[in-house]
């Protein structure tokens, strides 16, 4: 049975870009609230925490624009099957 272990499920979700989609959705939601600072994001396989300074952070409009452009460019490359440097 496919996806019968945690590892199988993780690999399936990674292959299907579930994690990428979730990250993009979280960034978009935070951006919509003017509450993005990716320098404070830390994610590993066991723990996900925001730095204590992350609460109430406001992103400069220029940085937010750069982040949105980077996400759009990465998404475009992935859709065209190109590798991301």
N, C-alpha and C. Protein backbone atom coordinates (compact mmCIF):
# COMPACT_ATOMS: atom_id res chain seq x y z
N UNK A 1 0.84 -1.18 0.00
CA UNK A 1 0.00 0.00 0.00
C UNK A 1 0.89 1.25 0.00
N UNK A 2 0.67 2.13 -0.95
CA UNK A 2 1.46 3.36 -1.04
C UNK A 2 1.09 4.31 0.09
N UNK A 3 2.10 4.97 0.66
CA UNK A 3 1.85 5.94 1.73
C UNK A 3 1.56 5.28 3.06
N UNK A 4 2.04 4.06 3.27
CA UNK A 4 1.72 3.33 4.49
C UNK A 4 2.60 3.71 5.67
N UNK A 5 3.71 4.38 5.41
CA UNK A 5 4.56 4.84 6.51
C UNK A 5 4.64 6.36 6.49
N UNK A 6 5.09 6.92 7.58
CA UNK A 6 5.27 8.38 7.64
C UNK A 6 6.24 8.83 6.56
N UNK A 7 7.31 8.08 6.37
CA UNK A 7 8.29 8.44 5.35
C UNK A 7 7.66 8.41 3.96
N UNK A 8 6.88 7.38 3.67
CA UNK A 8 6.21 7.29 2.36
C UNK A 8 5.30 8.50 2.14
N UNK A 9 4.55 8.84 3.16
CA UNK A 9 3.64 9.98 3.04
C UNK A 9 4.42 11.28 2.85
N UNK A 10 5.51 11.45 3.62
CA UNK A 10 6.34 12.64 3.47
C UNK A 10 6.89 12.75 2.05
N UNK A 11 7.44 11.66 1.53
CA UNK A 11 8.00 11.66 0.16
C UNK A 11 6.92 11.98 -0.88
N UNK A 12 5.73 11.42 -0.68
CA UNK A 12 4.64 11.67 -1.61
C UNK A 12 4.25 13.16 -1.58
N UNK A 13 4.14 13.74 -0.39
CA UNK A 13 3.78 15.15 -0.27
C UNK A 13 4.89 16.04 -0.84
N UNK A 14 6.14 15.66 -0.60
CA UNK A 14 7.25 16.43 -1.15
C UNK A 14 7.22 16.38 -2.67
N UNK A 15 7.02 15.20 -3.22
CA UNK A 15 6.96 15.04 -4.68
C UNK A 15 5.80 15.84 -5.28
N UNK A 16 4.68 15.88 -4.60
CA UNK A 16 3.49 16.58 -5.09
C UNK A 16 3.48 18.07 -4.74
N UNK A 17 4.60 18.56 -4.18
CA UNK A 17 4.80 19.97 -3.84
C UNK A 17 3.80 20.51 -2.81
N UNK A 18 3.32 19.63 -1.93
CA UNK A 18 2.40 20.05 -0.88
C UNK A 18 3.07 21.07 0.05
N UNK A 19 4.32 20.80 0.43
CA UNK A 19 5.01 21.69 1.35
C UNK A 19 5.27 23.06 0.71
N UNK A 20 5.65 23.06 -0.56
CA UNK A 20 5.87 24.31 -1.28
C UNK A 20 4.58 25.13 -1.36
N UNK A 21 3.48 24.46 -1.64
CA UNK A 21 2.18 25.13 -1.73
C UNK A 21 1.80 25.73 -0.38
N UNK A 22 2.02 24.98 0.69
CA UNK A 22 1.72 25.50 2.03
C UNK A 22 2.57 26.73 2.35
N UNK A 23 3.87 26.67 2.04
CA UNK A 23 4.76 27.79 2.32
C UNK A 23 4.32 29.03 1.54
N UNK A 24 3.99 28.85 0.27
CA UNK A 24 3.54 29.98 -0.55
C UNK A 24 2.25 30.57 0.00
N UNK A 25 1.35 29.72 0.45
CA UNK A 25 0.09 30.21 1.02
C UNK A 25 0.33 30.99 2.31
N UNK A 26 1.25 30.50 3.15
CA UNK A 26 1.55 31.21 4.40
C UNK A 26 2.20 32.56 4.12
N UNK A 27 3.11 32.60 3.15
CA UNK A 27 3.77 33.86 2.79
C UNK A 27 2.75 34.84 2.23
N UNK A 28 1.86 34.35 1.36
CA UNK A 28 0.84 35.22 0.78
C UNK A 28 -0.09 35.77 1.86
N UNK A 29 -0.49 34.93 2.80
CA UNK A 29 -1.37 35.37 3.88
C UNK A 29 -0.68 36.43 4.74
N UNK A 30 0.57 36.18 5.09
CA UNK A 30 1.32 37.15 5.90
C UNK A 30 1.53 38.44 5.12
N UNK A 31 1.80 38.33 3.83
CA UNK A 31 2.00 39.52 2.99
C UNK A 31 0.73 40.35 2.93
N UNK A 32 -0.40 39.69 2.84
CA UNK A 32 -1.68 40.39 2.78
C UNK A 32 -1.93 41.19 4.06
N UNK A 33 -1.34 40.73 5.17
CA UNK A 33 -1.47 41.43 6.46
C UNK A 33 -0.28 42.34 6.74
N UNK A 34 0.61 42.51 5.75
CA UNK A 34 1.84 43.29 5.94
C UNK A 34 2.63 42.79 7.14
N UNK A 35 2.80 41.47 7.24
CA UNK A 35 3.44 40.86 8.40
C UNK A 35 4.43 39.79 7.97
N UNK A 36 5.40 40.15 7.08
CA UNK A 36 6.34 39.18 6.55
C UNK A 36 7.77 39.61 6.89
N UNK A 37 8.54 38.67 7.41
CA UNK A 37 9.97 38.86 7.59
C UNK A 37 10.60 37.47 7.56
N UNK A 38 10.97 37.02 6.36
CA UNK A 38 11.47 35.66 6.19
C UNK A 38 12.81 35.43 6.86
N UNK A 39 13.51 36.48 7.28
CA UNK A 39 14.76 36.26 7.99
C UNK A 39 14.51 35.65 9.37
N UNK A 40 13.27 35.66 9.81
CA UNK A 40 12.92 35.12 11.13
C UNK A 40 12.32 33.73 11.05
N UNK A 41 12.28 33.13 9.86
CA UNK A 41 11.68 31.81 9.68
C UNK A 41 12.73 30.73 9.88
N UNK A 42 12.38 29.72 10.64
CA UNK A 42 13.26 28.59 10.86
C UNK A 42 12.43 27.32 10.81
N UNK A 43 12.75 26.43 9.85
CA UNK A 43 12.00 25.20 9.71
C UNK A 43 12.98 24.05 9.58
N UNK A 44 12.77 23.00 10.33
CA UNK A 44 13.51 21.76 10.13
C UNK A 44 12.54 20.60 10.25
N UNK A 45 13.04 19.41 10.25
CA UNK A 45 12.15 18.25 10.22
C UNK A 45 11.46 17.96 11.53
N UNK A 46 11.87 18.62 12.61
CA UNK A 46 11.27 18.30 13.91
C UNK A 46 10.54 19.47 14.56
N UNK A 47 10.98 20.69 14.30
CA UNK A 47 10.42 21.84 14.99
C UNK A 47 10.28 23.02 14.03
N UNK A 48 9.19 23.74 14.15
CA UNK A 48 9.01 24.98 13.38
C UNK A 48 8.65 26.07 14.37
N UNK A 49 9.50 27.08 14.47
CA UNK A 49 9.27 28.17 15.40
C UNK A 49 9.56 29.50 14.72
N UNK A 50 8.83 30.51 15.09
CA UNK A 50 9.14 31.87 14.65
C UNK A 50 9.97 32.52 15.76
N UNK A 51 10.92 33.31 15.37
CA UNK A 51 11.72 34.04 16.33
C UNK A 51 10.81 34.92 17.17
N UNK A 52 11.15 35.16 18.43
CA UNK A 52 10.27 35.94 19.30
C UNK A 52 10.07 37.37 18.81
N UNK A 53 10.96 37.85 17.95
CA UNK A 53 10.77 39.18 17.38
C UNK A 53 9.79 39.18 16.20
N UNK A 54 9.33 37.99 15.79
CA UNK A 54 8.44 37.90 14.62
C UNK A 54 7.07 38.49 14.88
N UNK A 55 6.63 38.51 16.12
CA UNK A 55 5.30 39.03 16.42
C UNK A 55 5.23 40.52 16.13
N UNK A 56 4.32 40.89 15.27
CA UNK A 56 4.10 42.30 14.98
C UNK A 56 5.09 42.93 14.03
N UNK A 57 5.92 42.12 13.38
CA UNK A 57 6.90 42.68 12.45
C UNK A 57 6.21 43.27 11.22
N UNK A 58 6.74 44.37 10.74
CA UNK A 58 6.22 45.00 9.54
C UNK A 58 7.34 45.01 8.50
N UNK A 59 7.02 44.64 7.28
CA UNK A 59 8.00 44.56 6.20
C UNK A 59 7.93 45.82 5.36
N UNK A 60 9.11 46.32 5.03
CA UNK A 60 9.17 47.48 4.15
C UNK A 60 8.56 47.11 2.81
N UNK A 61 7.84 48.03 2.17
CA UNK A 61 7.18 47.73 0.89
C UNK A 61 8.15 47.20 -0.17
N UNK A 62 9.38 47.71 -0.21
CA UNK A 62 10.35 47.26 -1.20
C UNK A 62 10.71 45.79 -0.99
N UNK A 63 10.90 45.40 0.28
CA UNK A 63 11.23 44.01 0.59
C UNK A 63 10.06 43.10 0.24
N UNK A 64 8.85 43.52 0.58
CA UNK A 64 7.67 42.73 0.26
C UNK A 64 7.55 42.53 -1.24
N UNK A 65 7.79 43.57 -2.00
CA UNK A 65 7.73 43.48 -3.47
C UNK A 65 8.78 42.49 -3.98
N UNK A 66 10.00 42.57 -3.44
CA UNK A 66 11.06 41.65 -3.84
C UNK A 66 10.70 40.19 -3.52
N UNK A 67 10.11 39.97 -2.35
CA UNK A 67 9.70 38.62 -1.96
C UNK A 67 8.63 38.07 -2.90
N UNK A 68 7.66 38.91 -3.22
CA UNK A 68 6.58 38.47 -4.10
C UNK A 68 7.12 38.16 -5.50
N UNK A 69 8.07 38.96 -5.99
CA UNK A 69 8.69 38.70 -7.29
C UNK A 69 9.45 37.39 -7.28
N UNK A 70 10.21 37.14 -6.19
CA UNK A 70 11.00 35.91 -6.08
C UNK A 70 10.11 34.68 -6.09
N UNK A 71 9.00 34.73 -5.36
CA UNK A 71 8.07 33.60 -5.33
C UNK A 71 7.48 33.37 -6.72
N UNK A 72 7.09 34.43 -7.40
CA UNK A 72 6.51 34.31 -8.74
C UNK A 72 7.53 33.74 -9.73
N UNK A 73 8.77 34.21 -9.66
CA UNK A 73 9.81 33.71 -10.56
C UNK A 73 10.10 32.23 -10.30
N UNK A 74 10.21 31.86 -9.03
CA UNK A 74 10.48 30.46 -8.69
C UNK A 74 9.34 29.58 -9.16
N UNK A 75 8.11 30.03 -8.97
CA UNK A 75 6.95 29.25 -9.39
C UNK A 75 6.95 29.09 -10.91
N UNK A 76 7.30 30.15 -11.64
CA UNK A 76 7.36 30.09 -13.09
C UNK A 76 8.42 29.12 -13.58
N UNK A 77 9.58 29.13 -12.95
CA UNK A 77 10.64 28.20 -13.32
C UNK A 77 10.21 26.76 -13.08
N UNK A 78 9.57 26.52 -11.94
CA UNK A 78 9.14 25.17 -11.59
C UNK A 78 8.09 24.67 -12.58
N UNK A 79 7.18 25.56 -12.98
CA UNK A 79 6.13 25.16 -13.91
C UNK A 79 6.70 24.84 -15.30
N UNK A 80 7.80 25.49 -15.65
CA UNK A 80 8.43 25.22 -16.95
C UNK A 80 9.43 24.08 -16.87
N UNK A 81 9.60 23.49 -15.66
CA UNK A 81 10.48 22.35 -15.50
C UNK A 81 11.94 22.71 -15.44
N UNK A 82 12.26 23.98 -15.20
CA UNK A 82 13.66 24.39 -15.11
C UNK A 82 14.12 24.26 -13.67
N UNK A 83 15.43 24.10 -13.52
CA UNK A 83 15.98 24.01 -12.17
C UNK A 83 16.16 25.40 -11.60
N UNK A 84 16.14 25.48 -10.29
CA UNK A 84 16.30 26.75 -9.59
C UNK A 84 17.70 26.76 -9.01
N UNK A 85 18.51 27.82 -9.33
CA UNK A 85 19.88 27.85 -8.83
C UNK A 85 19.96 27.92 -7.33
